[in-house]
Amino acid sequence: MPPTLEVECTSDECEIDMLELHYTYDMPDDVGVDDFVCPYCQRSSVLEEIVV
């Protein structure tokens, strides 16, 4: 099953608290949270991976 990355936006000004990124098998192995931006506030430095 392809990986799922759970991410939270830590910006106090953003309305999104959590999102899930679902990859395909074609996604490179070294892709991580730093490669994405928040779809609401368009910032990448505020995204953090949720580790459960």
Protein backbone atom coordinates (compact mmCIF):
# COMPACT_ATOMS: atom_id res chain seq x y z
CA MET A 1 0.00 0.00 0.00
CA PRO A 2 1.39 3.46 -0.87
CA PRO A 3 2.55 5.63 2.02
CA THR A 4 0.33 8.20 3.71
CA LEU A 5 1.84 11.29 5.30
CA GLU A 6 -0.18 13.04 8.02
CA VAL A 7 0.74 16.70 8.36
CA GLU A 8 -0.34 19.57 10.57
CA CYS A 9 -0.09 23.28 9.86
CA THR A 10 1.28 25.06 12.92
CA SER A 11 0.53 28.61 11.75
CA ASP A 12 -1.80 30.45 14.13
CA GLU A 13 -3.21 32.33 11.14
CA CYS A 14 -4.21 29.19 9.22
CA GLU A 15 -7.60 27.46 9.36
CA ILE A 16 -6.23 23.98 8.50
CA ASP A 17 -5.17 21.88 11.45
CA MET A 18 -4.39 18.55 9.73
CA LEU A 19 -4.21 17.01 6.28
CA GLU A 20 -3.29 13.64 4.82
CA LEU A 21 -1.12 13.24 1.76
CA HIS A 22 -1.66 9.99 -0.12
CA TYR A 23 1.17 9.05 -2.49
CA THR A 24 1.32 6.74 -5.45
CA TYR A 25 4.02 4.11 -5.76
CA ASP A 26 5.82 6.42 -8.21
CA MET A 27 6.70 8.99 -5.50
CA PRO A 28 10.46 9.10 -4.81
CA ASP A 29 11.55 7.57 -1.48
CA ASP A 30 13.13 10.81 -0.24
CA VAL A 31 9.93 12.90 -0.46
CA GLY A 32 8.98 14.36 2.91
CA VAL A 33 6.98 17.09 4.58
CA ASP A 34 9.46 19.76 3.41
CA ASP A 35 8.43 19.12 -0.20
CA PHE A 36 4.85 20.34 0.35
CA VAL A 37 3.04 23.59 1.16
CA CYS A 38 -0.13 24.13 3.13
CA PRO A 39 -3.06 24.31 0.69
CA TYR A 40 -4.66 27.11 2.72
CA CYS A 41 -1.86 29.50 3.75
CA GLN A 42 0.61 28.43 1.01
CA ARG A 43 3.55 28.21 3.43
CA SER A 44 5.88 25.24 3.83
CA SER A 45 7.88 26.23 6.89
CA VAL A 46 4.84 25.72 9.14
CA LEU A 47 4.12 22.11 8.17
CA GLU A 48 5.10 19.34 10.55
CA GLU A 49 4.66 15.58 10.22
CA ILE A 50 2.30 13.99 12.72
CA VAL A 51 3.91 10.90 14.21
CA VAL A 52 1.56 8.50 15.99
